[in-house]
PDB file of N, CA and C in Angstrom:
ATOM      1  N   MET A   1       3.781 -33.612  -2.567  1.00  0.00           N
ATOM      2  CA  MET A   1       3.018 -32.487  -2.076  1.00  0.00           C
ATOM      3  C   MET A   1       3.247 -31.281  -2.967  1.00  0.00           C
ATOM      4  N   GLY A   2       2.205 -30.551  -3.350  1.00  0.00           N
ATOM      5  CA  GLY A   2       2.356 -29.414  -4.205  1.00  0.00           C
ATOM      6  C   GLY A   2       2.784 -28.151  -3.481  1.00  0.00           C
ATOM      7  N   ARG A   3       3.153 -27.175  -4.269  1.00  0.00           N
ATOM      8  CA  ARG A   3       3.565 -25.887  -3.710  1.00  0.00           C
ATOM      9  C   ARG A   3       2.347 -25.099  -3.337  1.00  0.00           C
ATOM     10  N   THR A   4       2.466 -24.375  -2.262  1.00  0.00           N
ATOM     11  CA  THR A   4       1.387 -23.437  -1.814  1.00  0.00           C
ATOM     12  C   THR A   4       1.683 -22.018  -2.259  1.00  0.00           C
ATOM     13  N   VAL A   5       2.973 -21.728  -2.476  1.00  0.00           N
ATOM     14  CA  VAL A   5       3.381 -20.409  -2.877  1.00  0.00           C
ATOM     15  C   VAL A   5       3.987 -20.489  -4.251  1.00  0.00           C
ATOM     16  N   PRO A   6       3.544 -19.663  -5.219  1.00  0.00           N
ATOM     17  CA  PRO A   6       4.135 -19.744  -6.555  1.00  0.00           C
ATOM     18  C   PRO A   6       5.569 -19.283  -6.522  1.00  0.00           C
ATOM     19  N   SER A   7       6.395 -19.748  -7.455  1.00  0.00           N
ATOM     20  CA  SER A   7       7.752 -19.297  -7.556  1.00  0.00           C
ATOM     21  C   SER A   7       7.731 -17.786  -7.903  1.00  0.00           C
ATOM     22  N   TRP A   8       8.867 -17.130  -7.670  1.00  0.00           N
ATOM     23  CA  TRP A   8       8.941 -15.690  -7.953  1.00  0.00           C
ATOM     24  C   TRP A   8       8.698 -15.421  -9.435  1.00  0.00           C
ATOM     25  N   ARG A   9       9.285 -16.253 -10.281  1.00  0.00           N
ATOM     26  CA  ARG A   9       9.106 -16.033 -11.716  1.00  0.00           C
ATOM     27  C   ARG A   9       7.661 -16.204 -12.172  1.00  0.00           C
ATOM     28  N   MET A  10       6.977 -17.169 -11.551  1.00  0.00           N
ATOM     29  CA  MET A  10       5.548 -17.339 -11.870  1.00  0.00           C
ATOM     30  C   MET A  10       4.765 -16.158 -11.417  1.00  0.00           C
ATOM     31  N   ALA A  11       5.062 -15.684 -10.194  1.00  0.00           N
ATOM     32  CA  ALA A  11       4.371 -14.512  -9.687  1.00  0.00           C
ATOM     33  C   ALA A  11       4.659 -13.236 -10.486  1.00  0.00           C
ATOM     34  N   LEU A  12       5.935 -13.124 -10.934  1.00  0.00           N
ATOM     35  CA  LEU A  12       6.317 -12.000 -11.756  1.00  0.00           C
ATOM     36  C   LEU A  12       5.554 -11.959 -13.040  1.00  0.00           C
ATOM     37  N   GLU A  13       5.384 -13.142 -13.636  1.00  0.00           N
ATOM     38  CA  GLU A  13       4.616 -13.209 -14.941  1.00  0.00           C
ATOM     39  C   GLU A  13       3.113 -12.849 -14.706  1.00  0.00           C
ATOM     40  N   GLU A  14       2.624 -13.264 -13.568  1.00  0.00           N
ATOM     41  CA  GLU A  14       1.193 -12.908 -13.257  1.00  0.00           C
ATOM     42  C   GLU A  14       1.071 -11.397 -13.096  1.00  0.00           C
ATOM     43  N   GLU A  15       2.032 -10.793 -12.386  1.00  0.00           N
ATOM     44  CA  GLU A  15       2.018  -9.335 -12.206  1.00  0.00           C
ATOM     45  C   GLU A  15       2.176  -8.646 -13.547  1.00  0.00           C
ATOM     46  N   ALA A  16       3.065  -9.154 -14.390  1.00  0.00           N
ATOM     47  CA  ALA A  16       3.275  -8.584 -15.709  1.00  0.00           C
ATOM     48  C   ALA A  16       1.994  -8.680 -16.552  1.00  0.00           C
ATOM     49  N   LYS A  17       1.211  -9.704 -16.388  1.00  0.00           N
ATOM     50  CA  LYS A  17      -0.092  -9.818 -17.098  1.00  0.00           C
ATOM     51  C   LYS A  17      -1.005  -8.697 -16.614  1.00  0.00           C
ATOM     52  N   ARG A  18      -1.008  -8.425 -15.324  1.00  0.00           N
ATOM     53  CA  ARG A  18      -1.869  -7.328 -14.789  1.00  0.00           C
ATOM     54  C   ARG A  18      -1.379  -6.005 -15.396  1.00  0.00           C
ATOM     55  N   TRP A  19      -0.070  -5.809 -15.511  1.00  0.00           N
ATOM     56  CA  TRP A  19       0.447  -4.574 -16.019  1.00  0.00           C
ATOM     57  C   TRP A  19       0.142  -4.373 -17.487  1.00  0.00           C
ATOM     58  N   ASN A  20      -0.138  -5.458 -18.210  1.00  0.00           N
ATOM     59  CA  ASN A  20      -0.410  -5.385 -19.639  1.00  0.00           C
ATOM     60  C   ASN A  20      -1.658  -4.576 -19.920  1.00  0.00           C
ATOM     61  N   LYS A  21      -2.550  -4.483 -18.950  1.00  0.00           N
ATOM     62  CA  LYS A  21      -3.703  -3.565 -19.146  1.00  0.00           C
ATOM     63  C   LYS A  21      -3.265  -2.154 -19.427  1.00  0.00           C
ATOM     64  N   PHE A  22      -2.222  -1.722 -18.687  1.00  0.00           N
ATOM     65  CA  PHE A  22      -1.642  -0.412 -18.912  1.00  0.00           C
ATOM     66  C   PHE A  22      -0.962  -0.344 -20.291  1.00  0.00           C
ATOM     67  N   ALA A  23      -0.254  -1.454 -20.663  1.00  0.00           N
ATOM     68  CA  ALA A  23       0.479  -1.468 -21.909  1.00  0.00           C
ATOM     69  C   ALA A  23      -0.489  -1.307 -23.087  1.00  0.00           C
ATOM     70  N   ARG A  24      -1.653  -1.946 -22.984  1.00  0.00           N
ATOM     71  CA  ARG A  24      -2.585  -1.876 -24.126  1.00  0.00           C
ATOM     72  C   ARG A  24      -3.129  -0.432 -24.325  1.00  0.00           C
ATOM     73  N   ILE A  25      -3.078   0.380 -23.324  1.00  0.00           N
ATOM     74  CA  ILE A  25      -3.549   1.781 -23.378  1.00  0.00           C
ATOM     75  C   ILE A  25      -2.506   2.699 -23.982  1.00  0.00           C
ATOM     76  N   LEU A  26      -1.252   2.272 -23.891  1.00  0.00           N
ATOM     77  CA  LEU A  26      -0.167   3.111 -24.404  1.00  0.00           C
ATOM     78  C   LEU A  26      -0.261   3.259 -25.898  1.00  0.00           C
ATOM     79  N   ARG A  27       0.361   4.304 -26.394  1.00  0.00           N
ATOM     80  CA  ARG A  27       0.516   4.445 -27.851  1.00  0.00           C
ATOM     81  C   ARG A  27       1.356   3.306 -28.401  1.00  0.00           C
ATOM     82  N   ARG A  28       1.129   2.981 -29.635  1.00  0.00           N
ATOM     83  CA  ARG A  28       1.833   1.856 -30.217  1.00  0.00           C
ATOM     84  C   ARG A  28       3.346   1.994 -30.103  1.00  0.00           C
ATOM     85  N   GLU A  29       3.850   3.223 -30.364  1.00  0.00           N
ATOM     86  CA  GLU A  29       5.296   3.433 -30.293  1.00  0.00           C
ATOM     87  C   GLU A  29       5.899   3.345 -28.917  1.00  0.00           C
ATOM     88  N   ASP A  30       5.019   3.475 -27.917  1.00  0.00           N
ATOM     89  CA  ASP A  30       5.509   3.353 -26.521  1.00  0.00           C
ATOM     90  C   ASP A  30       5.476   1.914 -25.954  1.00  0.00           C
ATOM     91  N   ARG A  31       4.729   1.046 -26.598  1.00  0.00           N
ATOM     92  CA  ARG A  31       4.585  -0.316 -26.092  1.00  0.00           C
ATOM     93  C   ARG A  31       5.918  -1.088 -26.036  1.00  0.00           C
ATOM     94  N   PRO A  32       6.794  -0.987 -27.050  1.00  0.00           N
ATOM     95  CA  PRO A  32       8.104  -1.689 -26.915  1.00  0.00           C
ATOM     96  C   PRO A  32       8.913  -1.208 -25.757  1.00  0.00           C
ATOM     97  N   ILE A  33       8.800   0.003 -25.377  1.00  0.00           N
ATOM     98  CA  ILE A  33       9.522   0.561 -24.210  1.00  0.00           C
ATOM     99  C   ILE A  33       8.969  -0.105 -22.938  1.00  0.00           C
ATOM    100  N   PHE A  34       7.685  -0.255 -22.890  1.00  0.00           N
ATOM    101  CA  PHE A  34       7.043  -0.902 -21.754  1.00  0.00           C
ATOM    102  C   PHE A  34       7.583  -2.354 -21.632  1.00  0.00           C
ATOM    103  N   GLU A  35       7.621  -3.031 -22.756  1.00  0.00           N
ATOM    104  CA  GLU A  35       8.102  -4.429 -22.801  1.00  0.00           C
ATOM    105  C   GLU A  35       9.556  -4.498 -22.356  1.00  0.00           C
ATOM    106  N   GLU A  36      10.373  -3.567 -22.719  1.00  0.00           N
ATOM    107  CA  GLU A  36      11.750  -3.509 -22.259  1.00  0.00           C
ATOM    108  C   GLU A  36      11.819  -3.366 -20.762  1.00  0.00           C
ATOM    109  N   MET A  37      10.943  -2.533 -20.187  1.00  0.00           N
ATOM    110  CA  MET A  37      10.907  -2.394 -18.710  1.00  0.00           C
ATOM    111  C   MET A  37      10.584  -3.691 -18.012  1.00  0.00           C
ATOM    112  N   VAL A  38       9.577  -4.414 -18.528  1.00  0.00           N
ATOM    113  CA  VAL A  38       9.185  -5.675 -17.940  1.00  0.00           C
ATOM    114  C   VAL A  38      10.324  -6.678 -18.109  1.00  0.00           C
ATOM    115  N   ASP A  39      11.035  -6.617 -19.192  1.00  0.00           N
ATOM    116  CA  ASP A  39      12.219  -7.514 -19.404  1.00  0.00           C
ATOM    117  C   ASP A  39      13.289  -7.209 -18.354  1.00  0.00           C
ATOM    118  N   GLU A  40      13.422  -5.951 -17.977  1.00  0.00           N
ATOM    119  CA  GLU A  40      14.411  -5.580 -16.957  1.00  0.00           C
ATOM    120  C   GLU A  40      14.027  -6.237 -15.626  1.00  0.00           C
ATOM    121  N   ALA A  41      12.756  -6.275 -15.330  1.00  0.00           N
ATOM    122  CA  ALA A  41      12.264  -6.881 -14.117  1.00  0.00           C
ATOM    123  C   ALA A  41      12.600  -8.369 -14.151  1.00  0.00           C
ATOM    124  N   ARG A  42      12.407  -8.959 -15.316  1.00  0.00           N
ATOM    125  CA  ARG A  42      12.740 -10.411 -15.459  1.00  0.00           C
ATOM    126  C   ARG A  42      14.262 -10.628 -15.289  1.00  0.00           C
ATOM    127  N   ARG A  43      15.074  -9.735 -15.777  1.00  0.00           N
ATOM    128  CA  ARG A  43      16.525  -9.857 -15.716  1.00  0.00           C
ATOM    129  C   ARG A  43      17.012  -9.948 -14.253  1.00  0.00           C
ATOM    130  N   TYR A  44      16.312  -9.260 -13.363  1.00  0.00           N
ATOM    131  CA  TYR A  44      16.715  -9.239 -11.968  1.00  0.00           C
ATOM    132  C   TYR A  44      15.814 -10.101 -11.078  1.00  0.00           C
ATOM    133  N   ALA A  45      15.162 -11.055 -11.693  1.00  0.00           N
ATOM    134  CA  ALA A  45      14.184 -11.885 -10.949  1.00  0.00           C
ATOM    135  C   ALA A  45      14.853 -12.639  -9.784  1.00  0.00           C
ATOM    136  N   CYS A  46      16.060 -13.157 -10.037  1.00  0.00           N
ATOM    137  CA  CYS A  46      16.749 -13.904  -8.962  1.00  0.00           C
ATOM    138  C   CYS A  46      17.032 -13.042  -7.752  1.00  0.00           C
ATOM    139  N   GLU A  47      17.499 -11.813  -8.033  1.00  0.00           N
ATOM    140  CA  GLU A  47      17.812 -10.901  -6.902  1.00  0.00           C
ATOM    141  C   GLU A  47      16.525 -10.459  -6.194  1.00  0.00           C
ATOM    142  N   ALA A  48      15.489 -10.194  -6.894  1.00  0.00           N
ATOM    143  CA  ALA A  48      14.241  -9.770  -6.268  1.00  0.00           C
ATOM    144  C   ALA A  48      13.598 -10.916  -5.488  1.00  0.00           C
ATOM    145  N   SER A  49      13.777 -12.117  -5.934  1.00  0.00           N
ATOM    146  CA  SER A  49      13.285 -13.284  -5.254  1.00  0.00           C
ATOM    147  C   SER A  49      14.074 -13.471  -3.921  1.00  0.00           C
ATOM    148  N   ALA A  50      15.381 -13.319  -3.974  1.00  0.00           N
ATOM    149  CA  ALA A  50      16.137 -13.483  -2.783  1.00  0.00           C
ATOM    150  C   ALA A  50      15.868 -12.400  -1.766  1.00  0.00           C
ATOM    151  N   ALA A  51      15.470 -11.218  -2.203  1.00  0.00           N
ATOM    152  CA  ALA A  51      15.184 -10.101  -1.312  1.00  0.00           C
ATOM    153  C   ALA A  51      13.866 -10.319  -0.542  1.00  0.00           C
ATOM    154  N   ALA A  52      13.040 -11.202  -1.032  1.00  0.00           N
ATOM    155  CA  ALA A  52      11.792 -11.554  -0.368  1.00  0.00           C
ATOM    156  C   ALA A  52      10.904 -10.321  -0.096  1.00  0.00           C
ATOM    157  N   PHE A  53      10.594  -9.559  -1.194  1.00  0.00           N
ATOM    158  CA  PHE A  53       9.726  -8.433  -1.027  1.00  0.00           C
ATOM    159  C   PHE A  53       8.342  -8.857  -0.687  1.00  0.00           C
ATOM    160  N   PRO A  54       7.541  -8.044   0.008  1.00  0.00           N
ATOM    161  CA  PRO A  54       6.170  -8.413   0.376  1.00  0.00           C
ATOM    162  C   PRO A  54       5.249  -8.529  -0.834  1.00  0.00           C
ATOM    163  N   SER A  55       5.581  -7.828  -1.924  1.00  0.00           N
ATOM    164  CA  SER A  55       4.729  -7.901  -3.149  1.00  0.00           C
ATOM    165  C   SER A  55       5.649  -8.003  -4.376  1.00  0.00           C
ATOM    166  N   GLN A  56       5.155  -8.679  -5.392  1.00  0.00           N
ATOM    167  CA  GLN A  56       5.929  -8.802  -6.641  1.00  0.00           C
ATOM    168  C   GLN A  56       6.160  -7.454  -7.257  1.00  0.00           C
ATOM    169  N   ALA A  57       5.183  -6.611  -7.196  1.00  0.00           N
ATOM    170  CA  ALA A  57       5.297  -5.255  -7.823  1.00  0.00           C
ATOM    171  C   ALA A  57       6.456  -4.485  -7.238  1.00  0.00           C
ATOM    172  N   GLU A  58       6.707  -4.603  -5.947  1.00  0.00           N
ATOM    173  CA  GLU A  58       7.792  -3.886  -5.316  1.00  0.00           C
ATOM    174  C   GLU A  58       9.120  -4.366  -5.872  1.00  0.00           C
ATOM    175  N   GLY A  59       9.278  -5.659  -5.924  1.00  0.00           N
ATOM    176  CA  GLY A  59      10.519  -6.243  -6.529  1.00  0.00           C
ATOM    177  C   GLY A  59      10.700  -5.871  -7.963  1.00  0.00           C
ATOM    178  N   MET A  60       9.605  -5.899  -8.721  1.00  0.00           N
ATOM    179  CA  MET A  60       9.674  -5.580 -10.132  1.00  0.00           C
ATOM    180  C   MET A  60      10.080  -4.103 -10.346  1.00  0.00           C
ATOM    181  N   LEU A  61       9.443  -3.228  -9.582  1.00  0.00           N
ATOM    182  CA  LEU A  61       9.709  -1.769  -9.721  1.00  0.00           C
ATOM    183  C   LEU A  61      11.132  -1.425  -9.300  1.00  0.00           C
ATOM    184  N   LEU A  62      11.587  -2.039  -8.226  1.00  0.00           N
ATOM    185  CA  LEU A  62      13.014  -1.809  -7.788  1.00  0.00           C
ATOM    186  C   LEU A  62      13.986  -2.324  -8.820  1.00  0.00           C
ATOM    187  N   SER A  63      13.664  -3.465  -9.444  1.00  0.00           N
ATOM    188  CA  SER A  63      14.521  -4.026 -10.498  1.00  0.00           C
ATOM    189  C   SER A  63      14.576  -3.091 -11.677  1.00  0.00           C
ATOM    190  N   ILE A  64      13.466  -2.529 -12.060  1.00  0.00           N
ATOM    191  CA  ILE A  64      13.409  -1.594 -13.212  1.00  0.00           C
ATOM    192  C   ILE A  64      14.168  -0.308 -12.866  1.00  0.00           C
ATOM    193  N   LEU A  65      13.926   0.228 -11.675  1.00  0.00           N
ATOM    194  CA  LEU A  65      14.664   1.449 -11.271  1.00  0.00           C
ATOM    195  C   LEU A  65      16.160   1.173 -11.208  1.00  0.00           C
ATOM    196  N   PHE A  66      16.588   0.055 -10.625  1.00  0.00           N
ATOM    197  CA  PHE A  66      18.011  -0.271 -10.567  1.00  0.00           C
ATOM    198  C   PHE A  66      18.608  -0.343 -11.948  1.00  0.00           C
ATOM    199  N   SER A  67      17.943  -1.017 -12.855  1.00  0.00           N
ATOM    200  CA  SER A  67      18.437  -1.184 -14.197  1.00  0.00           C
ATOM    201  C   SER A  67      18.571   0.180 -14.921  1.00  0.00           C
ATOM    202  N   HIS A  68      17.577   1.044 -14.758  1.00  0.00           N
ATOM    203  CA  HIS A  68      17.673   2.366 -15.364  1.00  0.00           C
ATOM    204  C   HIS A  68      18.765   3.213 -14.760  1.00  0.00           C
ATOM    205  N   HIS A  69      18.909   3.133 -13.442  1.00  0.00           N
ATOM    206  CA  HIS A  69      19.997   3.883 -12.780  1.00  0.00           C
ATOM    207  C   HIS A  69      21.351   3.392 -13.268  1.00  0.00           C
ATOM    208  N   LYS A  70      21.542   2.092 -13.370  1.00  0.00           N
ATOM    209  CA  LYS A  70      22.791   1.531 -13.878  1.00  0.00           C
ATOM    210  C   LYS A  70      23.101   1.971 -15.296  1.00  0.00           C
ATOM    211  N   MET A  71      22.062   2.069 -16.136  1.00  0.00           N
ATOM    212  CA  MET A  71      22.227   2.529 -17.481  1.00  0.00           C
ATOM    213  C   MET A  71      22.591   3.992 -17.563  1.00  0.00           C
ATOM    214  N   LEU A  72      21.941   4.797 -16.711  1.00  0.00           N
ATOM    215  CA  LEU A  72      22.216   6.213 -16.674  1.00  0.00           C
ATOM    216  C   LEU A  72      23.629   6.492 -16.179  1.00  0.00           C
ATOM    217  N   LYS A  73      24.064   5.727 -15.201  1.00  0.00           N
ATOM    218  CA  LYS A  73      25.424   5.863 -14.688  1.00  0.00           C
ATOM    219  C   LYS A  73      26.444   5.537 -15.772  1.00  0.00           C
ATOM    220  N   ALA A  74      26.218   4.473 -16.503  1.00  0.00           N
ATOM    221  CA  ALA A  74      27.162   4.068 -17.587  1.00  0.00           C
ATOM    222  C   ALA A  74      27.169   5.190 -18.651  1.00  0.00           C
ATOM    223  N   LEU A  75      26.000   5.766 -18.995  1.00  0.00           N
ATOM    224  CA  LEU A  75      25.943   6.837 -20.007  1.00  0.00           C
ATOM    225  C   LEU A  75      26.675   8.057 -19.514  1.00  0.00           C
ATOM    226  N   GLY A  76      26.535   8.385 -18.196  1.00  0.00           N
ATOM    227  CA  GLY A  76      27.196   9.521 -17.634  1.00  0.00           C
ATOM    228  C   GLY A  76      28.706   9.347 -17.699  1.00  0.00           C
ATOM    229  N   GLU A  77      29.166   8.113 -17.347  1.00  0.00           N
ATOM    230  CA  GLU A  77      30.598   7.876 -17.380  1.00  0.00           C
ATOM    231  C   GLU A  77      31.123   7.965 -18.823  1.00  0.00           C
ATOM    232  N   ARG A  78      30.366   7.475 -19.785  1.00  0.00           N
ATOM    233  CA  ARG A  78      30.764   7.593 -21.172  1.00  0.00           C
ATOM    234  C   ARG A  78      30.787   9.068 -21.657  1.00  0.00           C
ATOM    235  N   LEU A  79      29.810   9.833 -21.194  1.00  0.00           N
ATOM    236  CA  LEU A  79      29.747  11.230 -21.559  1.00  0.00           C
ATOM    237  C   LEU A  79      30.926  11.957 -20.959  1.00  0.00           C
ATOM    238  N   ASP A  80      31.321  11.650 -19.700  1.00  0.00           N
ATOM    239  CA  ASP A  80      32.494  12.261 -19.085  1.00  0.00           C
ATOM    240  C   ASP A  80      33.759  11.944 -19.860  1.00  0.00           C
ATOM    241  N   GLU A  81      33.878  10.685 -20.306  1.00  0.00           N
ATOM    242  CA  GLU A  81      35.016  10.266 -21.080  1.00  0.00           C
ATOM    243  C   GLU A  81      35.114  11.014 -22.415  1.00  0.00           C
ATOM    244  N   LEU A  82      33.982  11.132 -23.084  1.00  0.00           N
ATOM    245  CA  LEU A  82      33.975  11.858 -24.348  1.00  0.00           C
ATOM    246  C   LEU A  82      34.259  13.331 -24.155  1.00  0.00           C
ATOM    247  N   THR A  83      33.777  13.919 -23.089  1.00  0.00           N
ATOM    248  CA  THR A  83      34.007  15.323 -22.793  1.00  0.00           C
ATOM    249  C   THR A  83      35.508  15.562 -22.547  1.00  0.00           C
ATOM    250  N   GLN A  84      36.150  14.653 -21.818  1.00  0.00           N
ATOM    251  CA  GLN A  84      37.589  14.799 -21.522  1.00  0.00           C
ATOM    252  C   GLN A  84      38.363  14.673 -22.810  1.00  0.00           C
ATOM    253  N   ARG A  85      37.955  13.795 -23.740  1.00  0.00           N
ATOM    254  CA  ARG A  85      38.660  13.676 -25.026  1.00  0.00           C
ATOM    255  C   ARG A  85      38.547  14.956 -25.817  1.00  0.00           C
ATOM    256  N   LEU A  86      37.344  15.572 -25.783  1.00  0.00           N
ATOM    257  CA  LEU A  86      37.127  16.789 -26.554  1.00  0.00           C
ATOM    258  C   LEU A  86      37.922  17.971 -25.948  1.00  0.00           C
ATOM    259  N   ASN A  87      38.148  17.947 -24.692  1.00  0.00           N
ATOM    260  CA  ASN A  87      38.880  19.047 -24.019  1.00  0.00           C
ATOM    261  C   ASN A  87      40.347  18.945 -24.080  1.00  0.00           C
ATOM    262  N   ARG A  88      40.864  17.923 -24.702  1.00  0.00           N
ATOM    263  CA  ARG A  88      42.359  17.729 -24.780  1.00  0.00           C
ATOM    264  C   ARG A  88      42.917  18.615 -25.820  1.00  0.00           C
TER     265      ARG A  88
END
């Protein structure tokens, strides 16, 4: 018997295809940044799938936001560390 609901990864890729309409409108230099964002959504696909969001876009956006927050936190910690070294 076949599946009636696509897997999260398959649904994520379908949503990413829809988002590519936006990517095509971006400036050339901004397109790689967009691709990095979609890659972040892919990186957290297992977590988003387990959370059972009502829409793929919600899971993708939360994954992207989480990834960016995590990166900003790491940069802030590194900046604090460098500031402490400079103040010694």
